[in-house]
Amino acid sequence: MTILHLVIQEILHRKTSFLIGLAAITAAAGVLVAEMTILEAHDIRTRAILAEKEEGIAEDMRRMEDEYRKIMKELGYNLLILPEGQRLDNFYDSGYASETMPEDSVTRLAAAEMVTIRHLLPSLEQKIRWPEQGNRTIVLVGVRGEAPFLNREEKEPMLLPVAPGEIVLGYELWNSLGLAPKDRVRLRGRSFTVAECHPQRGTKDDITAWVDLAAAQSMLGKPGLINAILALKCHCAGNHIDSIRTQVAGILPGVRVIELENNVLVRARARDQAKATADSTLAAEREYRAALRAQQERFAAWLAPAVILGAAALIGLLMLANVRERRAEIGILRAIGYSSRQVVTVFLAKAALLGTAGAVLGFISGFAVGLTAGEPSGINGMARELFDPRLFFLTLLAAPLLASTASWIPALLAARQDPAAILGRE
């Protein structure tokens, strides 16, 4: 009679005891696998939630960046660089700079490859009389094309230059004079073709006439000079106005840099606030998910050991009871030649078989529980991702080891019994 045959006969003869032990091992393995699966499901769901939120935030930021660029182009420049020595009280009083600087100042600024500003536009602006139109007061502005940055991708200009021989008129000028595009006008003895008529803006632009920079320099007697450089502050790292002033001063010493308060800045601040709010929301979600996982870990930290120890104790008691019930059979086995080691092997083999069956059943049941109980809203169809072969083999090793360890003392007690004493009492 082989050891395997004895084990099978023992199981068949004492089905209730075996089923109780099998249930204990299945429960222990199932609880462990369920907890591990629930934690893994939580981690997968957390990664999915954070990735979804991060993608949503990134998409929102991309949309805001596009909107910001469009708004900047529509609302214009937000930096004004004034010549050295220009008093701001005089500038704000007259509306233009009385001091001048060389036109090549803008070229020097563009050649410096500053990354915090772009779209540099030199201009010459001054209030004058328009003698050909009743000596009325206008603001003459001479502009040219934006200064290109070296080694940087050329951007679409925010303001197109006025072609030589053309003039662009503000609303009050063309409306009061009855002018329209392609009409001819004379300004200080020069003939111009009206290229464009601006809509009403409610600012000094309504009485402004824009001409080519060279023409304005000639009419104002300021060849090669400008009195302002318009620029656009980029929305990037290191773009604080103080930092920009320091950088510009290193290239053009003494100049004044003014940040124009307009809707672009308001939108930029709103964008920064939205980004900060989004980051805060993401951090809060991350903290919430971490706290939820910690709570699940705390629950698993006492439940799994309690069930495992309970299963081990139950198996040990079942095996001990089994030894007492089988004292006569053990004595007969010893009397017909079975050694103590073989007797121990019978009990441990039964325990190993019990543990293996419990491991398989426990893993299946625990995995099913973990798959559905963890985060059902986010785990559907994720069984393949959640299945961990390492956890399966660990369970397949640990459960028989647990059952064998719990059965070790009862097996030793059985093997050490004296067959003569047992049979004599029987």
Protein backbone atom coordinates (compact mmCIF):
# COMPACT_ATOMS: atom_id res chain seq x y z
CA MET A 1 0.00 0.00 0.00
CA THR A 2 1.62 3.27 -1.14
CA ILE A 3 1.72 6.60 0.71
CA LEU A 4 -0.52 8.18 -1.96
CA HIS A 5 -3.06 5.40 -1.58
CA LEU A 6 -3.12 5.91 2.17
CA VAL A 7 -3.61 9.66 1.76
CA ILE A 8 -6.48 9.19 -0.68
CA GLN A 9 -8.16 6.65 1.56
CA GLU A 10 -7.76 9.00 4.51
CA ILE A 11 -9.40 11.85 2.60
CA LEU A 12 -12.28 9.68 1.41
CA HIS A 13 -12.80 8.24 4.87
CA ARG A 14 -12.86 11.63 6.59
CA LYS A 15 -14.45 13.92 4.01
CA THR A 16 -15.89 16.37 6.52
CA SER A 17 -12.55 17.03 8.16
CA PHE A 18 -10.88 17.45 4.78
CA LEU A 19 -13.57 19.83 3.51
CA ILE A 20 -13.32 21.96 6.65
CA GLY A 21 -9.54 22.17 6.24
CA LEU A 22 -9.94 22.90 2.53
CA ALA A 23 -12.35 25.73 3.33
CA ALA A 24 -9.88 27.18 5.84
CA ILE A 25 -6.99 27.15 3.35
CA THR A 26 -9.24 28.49 0.58
CA ALA A 27 -10.35 31.34 2.85
CA ALA A 28 -6.78 32.21 3.82
CA ALA A 29 -5.52 32.15 0.23
CA GLY A 30 -8.63 33.89 -1.04
CA VAL A 31 -8.40 36.78 1.42
CA LEU A 32 -4.73 37.33 0.61
CA VAL A 33 -5.28 37.21 -3.17
CA ALA A 34 -8.39 39.37 -2.95
CA GLU A 35 -6.57 42.04 -0.96
CA MET A 36 -3.60 42.04 -3.31
CA THR A 37 -5.89 42.20 -6.34
CA ILE A 38 -7.95 45.02 -4.83
CA LEU A 39 -4.77 47.03 -4.16
CA GLU A 40 -3.51 46.42 -7.68
CA ALA A 41 -6.92 47.37 -9.08
CA HIS A 42 -6.75 50.54 -7.03
CA ASP A 43 -3.30 51.35 -8.42
CA ILE A 44 -4.45 50.76 -12.00
CA ARG A 45 -7.52 52.90 -11.47
CA THR A 46 -5.41 55.62 -9.82
CA ARG A 47 -3.03 55.71 -12.79
CA ALA A 48 -5.98 55.87 -15.17
CA ILE A 49 -7.68 58.69 -13.21
CA LEU A 50 -4.49 60.74 -12.91
CA ALA A 51 -3.59 60.17 -16.56
CA GLU A 52 -7.09 61.22 -17.61
CA LYS A 53 -6.94 64.34 -15.45
CA GLU A 54 -3.42 65.19 -16.60
CA GLU A 55 -4.47 64.79 -20.23
CA GLY A 56 -7.53 66.93 -19.60
CA ILE A 57 -5.39 69.62 -17.96
CA ALA A 58 -2.85 69.44 -20.78
CA GLU A 59 -5.65 69.76 -23.35
CA ASP A 60 -7.11 72.73 -21.48
CA MET A 61 -3.68 74.34 -21.32
CA ARG A 62 -3.17 73.78 -25.06
CA ARG A 63 -6.51 75.41 -25.78
CA MET A 64 -5.67 78.29 -23.46
CA GLU A 65 -2.25 78.69 -25.12
CA ASP A 66 -3.90 78.88 -28.55
CA GLU A 67 -6.47 81.32 -27.23
CA TYR A 68 -3.77 83.34 -25.54
CA ARG A 69 -1.75 83.62 -28.75
CA LYS A 70 -4.83 84.69 -30.70
CA ILE A 71 -5.77 87.27 -28.07
CA MET A 72 -2.22 88.64 -27.98
CA LYS A 73 -2.29 89.06 -31.72
CA GLU A 74 -5.66 90.79 -31.60
CA LEU A 75 -4.93 93.09 -28.65
CA GLY A 76 -1.38 93.95 -29.55
CA TYR A 77 1.89 94.56 -27.81
CA ASN A 78 2.28 94.56 -24.03
CA LEU A 79 5.77 96.03 -23.60
CA LEU A 80 7.01 99.51 -24.41
CA ILE A 81 10.73 100.34 -24.50
CA LEU A 82 11.43 104.07 -24.22
CA PRO A 83 14.69 105.98 -24.83
CA GLU A 84 17.25 106.76 -22.16
CA GLY A 85 16.40 109.86 -20.18
CA GLN A 86 12.69 109.77 -20.96
CA ARG A 87 10.63 111.11 -18.05
CA LEU A 88 7.46 109.11 -17.54
CA ASP A 89 5.44 112.13 -16.38
CA ASN A 90 6.12 113.86 -19.69
CA PHE A 91 5.40 110.64 -21.57
CA TYR A 92 2.03 110.11 -19.89
CA ASP A 93 1.15 113.79 -20.27
CA SER A 94 1.88 114.03 -24.00
CA GLY A 95 1.13 110.44 -24.94
CA TYR A 96 4.45 109.91 -26.71
CA ALA A 97 8.17 109.97 -25.89
CA SER A 98 10.00 113.27 -26.33
CA GLU A 99 13.42 111.59 -26.28
CA THR A 100 14.78 109.49 -29.14
CA MET A 101 17.21 106.63 -29.69
CA PRO A 102 18.97 105.24 -32.77
CA GLU A 103 16.85 103.07 -35.04
CA ASP A 104 19.47 100.32 -34.88
CA SER A 105 18.65 99.86 -31.18
CA VAL A 106 15.92 97.44 -32.22
CA THR A 107 18.43 95.51 -34.34
CA ARG A 108 20.78 95.18 -31.36
CA LEU A 109 17.91 93.95 -29.21
CA ALA A 110 16.89 91.35 -31.81
CA ALA A 111 20.47 90.16 -32.24
CA ALA A 112 20.73 89.45 -28.49
CA GLU A 113 18.32 86.50 -28.89
CA MET A 114 16.27 87.24 -25.79
CA VAL A 115 13.74 84.47 -25.25
CA THR A 116 11.43 86.47 -23.00
CA ILE A 117 10.32 89.01 -25.62
CA ARG A 118 9.42 88.84 -29.30
CA HIS A 119 7.78 90.83 -32.09
CA LEU A 120 10.01 93.93 -31.80
CA LEU A 121 8.49 96.91 -33.63
CA PRO A 122 10.35 100.26 -33.83
CA SER A 123 8.22 103.38 -34.11
CA LEU A 124 8.41 107.14 -34.17
CA GLU A 125 5.37 108.92 -32.77
CA GLN A 126 4.56 112.60 -32.30
CA LYS A 127 1.60 114.99 -32.21
CA ILE A 128 1.60 117.33 -35.21
CA ARG A 129 -0.65 119.70 -37.11
CA TRP A 130 -2.16 118.68 -40.41
CA PRO A 131 -1.95 121.89 -42.38
CA GLU A 132 -3.75 120.51 -45.44
CA GLN A 133 -6.78 119.69 -43.28
CA GLY A 134 -7.41 122.92 -41.37
CA ASN A 135 -4.32 122.59 -39.21
CA ARG A 136 -6.06 119.96 -37.08
CA THR A 137 -4.12 118.04 -34.44
CA ILE A 138 -3.24 114.43 -35.24
CA VAL A 139 -0.85 111.80 -33.95
CA LEU A 140 1.67 110.81 -36.61
CA VAL A 141 3.15 107.32 -36.19
CA GLY A 142 5.90 105.96 -38.39
CA VAL A 143 6.36 102.17 -38.36
CA ARG A 144 8.29 99.61 -40.33
CA GLY A 145 8.39 95.83 -40.31
CA GLU A 146 9.19 93.93 -37.11
CA ALA A 147 12.88 93.30 -36.45
CA PRO A 148 13.69 89.63 -37.14
CA PHE A 149 15.43 87.61 -34.42
CA LEU A 150 18.56 85.78 -35.45
CA ASN A 151 18.48 81.96 -35.37
CA ARG A 152 14.80 81.90 -34.46
CA GLU A 153 11.83 80.73 -36.47
CA GLU A 154 10.18 83.70 -38.11
CA LYS A 155 6.73 84.46 -36.68
CA GLU A 156 3.79 86.03 -38.42
CA PRO A 157 4.00 89.76 -37.60
CA MET A 158 1.42 91.23 -35.26
CA LEU A 159 1.33 94.50 -37.17
CA LEU A 160 1.95 94.72 -40.90
CA PRO A 161 4.19 97.60 -41.99
CA VAL A 162 2.76 100.54 -43.89
CA ALA A 163 4.08 100.55 -47.42
CA PRO A 164 5.93 103.67 -48.65
CA GLY A 165 3.49 106.15 -50.15
CA GLU A 166 0.51 104.78 -48.19
CA ILE A 167 -1.28 106.01 -45.07
CA VAL A 168 -3.56 104.29 -42.53
CA LEU A 169 -6.11 106.51 -40.83
CA GLY A 170 -7.89 106.30 -37.47
CA TYR A 171 -11.68 106.42 -37.30
CA GLU A 172 -12.10 110.13 -36.44
CA LEU A 173 -9.81 111.22 -39.26
CA TRP A 174 -11.29 109.28 -42.16
CA ASN A 175 -14.85 109.60 -40.88
CA SER A 176 -14.75 113.39 -40.41
CA LEU A 177 -12.87 113.96 -43.67
CA GLY A 178 -15.02 111.57 -45.69
CA LEU A 179 -12.05 109.49 -46.81
CA ALA A 180 -12.02 105.89 -47.94
CA PRO A 181 -9.39 103.36 -49.05
CA LYS A 182 -7.61 104.30 -52.32
CA ASP A 183 -8.34 107.99 -51.82
CA ARG A 184 -5.42 110.39 -52.18
CA VAL A 185 -4.47 112.81 -49.39
CA ARG A 186 -1.63 115.22 -48.74
CA LEU A 187 0.18 115.50 -45.41
CA ARG A 188 2.87 118.14 -44.93
CA GLY A 189 3.44 118.42 -48.62
CA ARG A 190 3.61 114.65 -49.26
CA SER A 191 1.05 112.69 -51.22
CA PHE A 192 -0.30 109.43 -49.78
CA THR A 193 -2.82 106.79 -50.79
CA VAL A 194 -5.26 105.72 -48.06
CA ALA A 195 -4.51 102.02 -47.56
CA GLU A 196 -6.82 101.25 -44.64
CA CYS A 197 -9.39 102.92 -42.41
CA HIS A 198 -9.52 101.63 -38.83
CA PRO A 199 -12.80 101.12 -36.96
CA GLN A 200 -13.56 103.25 -33.94
CA ARG A 201 -11.45 102.24 -30.93
CA GLY A 202 -12.23 104.96 -28.40
CA THR A 203 -8.52 105.81 -27.89
CA LYS A 204 -6.03 108.21 -29.40
CA ASP A 205 -5.79 105.75 -32.30
CA ASP A 206 -8.94 107.43 -33.65
CA ILE A 207 -6.86 110.57 -34.47
CA THR A 208 -3.72 108.69 -35.56
CA ALA A 209 -2.20 108.52 -39.02
CA TRP A 210 0.27 105.69 -39.68
CA VAL A 211 2.92 106.04 -42.37
CA ASP A 212 6.19 104.36 -43.31
CA LEU A 213 8.91 104.95 -40.68
CA ALA A 214 11.29 106.57 -43.16
CA ALA A 215 8.57 109.02 -44.25
CA ALA A 216 7.78 109.92 -40.62
CA GLN A 217 11.47 110.45 -39.83
CA SER A 218 11.77 112.78 -42.81
CA MET A 219 8.62 114.80 -41.99
CA LEU A 220 9.62 115.16 -38.32
CA GLY A 221 13.25 115.93 -39.09
CA LYS A 222 14.54 112.90 -37.16
CA PRO A 223 16.36 110.71 -39.69
CA GLY A 224 17.54 107.35 -38.31
CA LEU A 225 15.77 107.92 -34.98
CA ILE A 226 12.86 106.30 -33.14
CA ASN A 227 11.22 107.08 -29.82
CA ALA A 228 9.73 103.71 -28.90
CA ILE A 229 10.06 99.98 -29.42
CA LEU A 230 6.91 97.94 -29.00
CA ALA A 231 7.35 94.31 -27.97
CA LEU A 232 5.43 91.29 -26.82
CA LYS A 233 6.36 89.62 -23.56
CA CYS A 234 6.16 85.87 -24.02
CA HIS A 235 4.29 83.74 -21.50
CA CYS A 236 7.23 81.60 -20.47
CA ALA A 237 9.64 80.96 -17.61
CA GLY A 238 11.76 83.94 -16.62
CA ASN A 239 9.39 86.50 -18.13
CA HIS A 240 8.91 88.61 -15.01
CA ILE A 241 9.03 92.28 -15.86
CA ASP A 242 12.00 92.90 -13.53
CA SER A 243 13.97 90.15 -15.26
CA ILE A 244 13.10 91.58 -18.67
CA ARG A 245 14.19 95.05 -17.59
CA THR A 246 17.53 93.68 -16.42
CA GLN A 247 18.08 91.83 -19.69
CA VAL A 248 17.10 94.80 -21.86
CA ALA A 249 19.28 97.17 -19.80
CA GLY A 250 22.24 94.91 -20.44
CA ILE A 251 21.78 95.49 -24.17
CA LEU A 252 20.43 99.04 -24.23
CA PRO A 253 21.67 100.78 -21.08
CA GLY A 254 19.42 103.43 -19.63
CA VAL A 255 16.22 102.64 -21.56
CA ARG A 256 12.86 102.44 -19.77
CA VAL A 257 10.74 99.28 -20.06
CA ILE A 258 7.02 99.63 -19.33
CA GLU A 259 4.55 96.78 -19.10
CA LEU A 260 1.29 97.86 -20.70
CA GLU A 261 -1.75 96.86 -18.65
CA ASN A 262 -4.21 95.38 -21.12
CA ASN A 263 -6.50 92.42 -21.56
CA VAL A 264 -3.59 90.24 -22.58
CA LEU A 265 -2.10 90.51 -19.10
CA VAL A 266 -5.47 89.89 -17.50
CA ARG A 267 -5.92 86.75 -19.61
CA ALA A 268 -2.37 85.63 -18.84
CA ARG A 269 -2.97 85.97 -15.11
CA ALA A 270 -6.26 84.10 -15.47
CA ARG A 271 -4.41 81.36 -17.33
CA ASP A 272 -1.77 81.12 -14.61
CA GLN A 273 -4.50 80.93 -11.98
CA ALA A 274 -6.29 78.23 -13.95
CA LYS A 275 -3.06 76.25 -14.25
CA ALA A 276 -2.39 76.59 -10.52
CA THR A 277 -5.95 75.50 -9.75
CA ALA A 278 -5.62 72.51 -12.08
CA ASP A 279 -2.32 71.49 -10.47
CA SER A 280 -3.89 71.83 -7.03
CA THR A 281 -6.85 69.69 -8.09
CA LEU A 282 -4.51 67.04 -9.47
CA ALA A 283 -2.46 67.04 -6.27
CA ALA A 284 -5.63 66.73 -4.20
CA GLU A 285 -6.79 63.79 -6.31
CA ARG A 286 -3.39 62.13 -5.91
CA GLU A 287 -3.52 62.61 -2.13
CA TYR A 288 -7.07 61.27 -1.98
CA ARG A 289 -6.13 58.15 -3.92
CA ALA A 290 -3.06 57.63 -1.71
CA ALA A 291 -5.19 57.98 1.44
CA LEU A 292 -7.72 55.51 0.05
CA ARG A 293 -4.97 53.01 -0.69
CA ALA A 294 -3.51 53.46 2.80
CA GLN A 295 -6.94 52.74 4.27
CA GLN A 296 -7.20 49.54 2.21
CA GLU A 297 -3.69 48.53 3.26
CA ARG A 298 -4.56 49.02 6.94
CA PHE A 299 -7.63 46.85 6.53
CA ALA A 300 -5.63 44.14 4.76
CA ALA A 301 -2.85 44.37 7.37
CA TRP A 302 -5.06 42.90 10.09
CA LEU A 303 -7.59 40.87 8.08
CA ALA A 304 -5.16 38.72 6.07
CA PRO A 305 -2.94 37.71 9.03
CA ALA A 306 -6.01 37.02 11.17
CA VAL A 307 -7.52 34.70 8.55
CA ILE A 308 -4.20 32.98 7.85
CA LEU A 309 -3.48 32.35 11.55
CA GLY A 310 -7.05 31.18 12.05
CA ALA A 311 -6.72 28.76 9.14
CA ALA A 312 -3.42 27.43 10.47
CA ALA A 313 -4.87 26.92 13.92
CA LEU A 314 -7.94 25.18 12.54
CA ILE A 315 -5.85 22.84 10.39
CA GLY A 316 -3.60 22.05 13.33
CA LEU A 317 -6.61 21.18 15.51
CA LEU A 318 -8.15 19.06 12.73
CA MET A 319 -4.90 17.17 12.28
CA LEU A 320 -4.52 16.71 16.04
CA ALA A 321 -8.04 15.32 16.25
CA ASN A 322 -7.29 13.13 13.29
CA VAL A 323 -4.22 11.72 15.04
CA ARG A 324 -6.26 10.86 18.13
CA GLU A 325 -8.98 9.21 16.06
CA ARG A 326 -6.45 7.18 14.08
CA ARG A 327 -4.34 5.92 16.97
CA ALA A 328 -5.29 2.35 16.21
CA GLU A 329 -4.61 2.68 12.50
CA ILE A 330 -1.27 4.33 13.21
CA GLY A 331 -0.36 1.45 15.52
CA ILE A 332 -1.28 -1.10 12.82
CA LEU A 333 0.78 0.77 10.21
CA ARG A 334 3.76 0.82 12.55
CA ALA A 335 3.25 -2.87 13.38
CA ILE A 336 3.26 -3.98 9.74
CA GLY A 337 6.52 -2.15 9.05
CA TYR A 338 5.81 1.52 8.34
CA SER A 339 8.51 3.73 9.81
CA SER A 340 8.00 6.94 11.77
CA ARG A 341 9.14 8.92 8.71
CA GLN A 342 6.52 7.26 6.53
CA VAL A 343 3.81 8.02 9.07
CA VAL A 344 4.89 11.67 9.14
CA THR A 345 4.94 11.66 5.34
CA VAL A 346 1.32 10.47 5.23
CA PHE A 347 0.13 13.38 7.36
CA LEU A 348 2.27 15.96 5.62
CA ALA A 349 1.32 14.68 2.17
CA LYS A 350 -2.33 15.05 3.10
CA ALA A 351 -1.62 18.58 4.34
CA ALA A 352 0.29 19.44 1.14
CA LEU A 353 -2.55 18.12 -1.01
CA LEU A 354 -5.01 20.07 1.12
CA GLY A 355 -2.89 23.21 0.73
CA THR A 356 -2.52 22.84 -3.04
CA ALA A 357 -6.24 22.39 -3.59
CA GLY A 358 -6.96 25.29 -1.24
CA ALA A 359 -4.41 27.47 -3.07
CA VAL A 360 -6.06 26.91 -6.45
CA LEU A 361 -9.58 27.44 -5.13
CA GLY A 362 -8.48 30.40 -2.98
CA PHE A 363 -6.71 32.10 -5.86
CA ILE A 364 -9.70 31.72 -8.16
CA SER A 365 -12.20 32.93 -5.59
CA GLY A 366 -9.92 35.71 -4.27
CA PHE A 367 -9.13 36.95 -7.78
CA ALA A 368 -12.84 37.01 -8.64
CA VAL A 369 -13.63 38.96 -5.47
CA GLY A 370 -10.76 41.40 -6.05
CA LEU A 371 -11.75 41.88 -9.67
CA THR A 372 -15.30 42.87 -8.85
CA ALA A 373 -15.06 44.35 -5.35
CA GLY A 374 -12.09 46.69 -5.81
CA GLU A 375 -13.24 49.41 -8.22
CA PRO A 376 -15.95 47.95 -10.43
CA SER A 377 -16.44 51.19 -12.36
CA GLY A 378 -12.89 51.17 -13.60
CA ILE A 379 -11.88 47.49 -13.73
CA ASN A 380 -14.29 46.02 -16.26
CA GLY A 381 -12.38 44.04 -18.85
CA MET A 382 -9.08 44.29 -16.93
CA ALA A 383 -8.75 40.68 -15.72
CA ARG A 384 -5.73 40.11 -17.94
CA GLU A 385 -3.99 43.20 -16.61
CA LEU A 386 -4.77 42.32 -13.00
CA PHE A 387 -3.71 38.67 -13.25
CA ASP A 388 -0.25 38.30 -11.71
CA PRO A 389 1.47 34.95 -12.35
CA ARG A 390 3.89 35.67 -9.51
CA LEU A 391 1.02 35.98 -7.05
CA PHE A 392 -0.45 32.72 -8.35
CA PHE A 393 2.80 30.77 -7.87
CA LEU A 394 3.37 32.41 -4.50
CA THR A 395 -0.07 31.26 -3.39
CA LEU A 396 0.61 27.81 -4.81
CA LEU A 397 3.74 27.58 -2.66
CA ALA A 398 2.55 29.35 0.46
CA ALA A 399 -0.74 27.50 1.00
CA PRO A 400 0.76 23.96 1.07
CA LEU A 401 3.57 25.28 3.26
CA LEU A 402 1.02 26.77 5.66
CA ALA A 403 -0.97 23.53 5.81
CA SER A 404 2.18 21.42 6.26
CA THR A 405 3.53 23.67 8.99
CA ALA A 406 0.23 23.55 10.86
CA SER A 407 0.23 19.72 10.55
CA TRP A 408 3.85 19.25 11.56
CA ILE A 409 3.36 18.87 15.31
CA PRO A 410 0.34 16.49 15.02
CA ALA A 411 2.35 14.43 12.49
CA LEU A 412 5.31 14.20 14.86
CA LEU A 413 3.00 13.15 17.70
CA ALA A 414 1.57 10.43 15.49
CA ALA A 415 4.98 9.14 14.45
CA ARG A 416 6.32 8.99 18.02
CA GLN A 417 3.54 6.81 19.38
CA ASP A 418 4.57 3.30 20.49
CA PRO A 419 2.61 0.75 18.37
CA ALA A 420 2.80 -1.90 21.13
CA ALA A 421 1.31 0.49 23.67
CA ILE A 422 -1.38 1.59 21.25
CA LEU A 423 -2.38 -1.94 20.20
CA GLY A 424 -2.16 -3.17 23.79
CA ARG A 425 -4.66 -0.56 24.91
CA GLU A 426 -6.87 -1.24 21.92
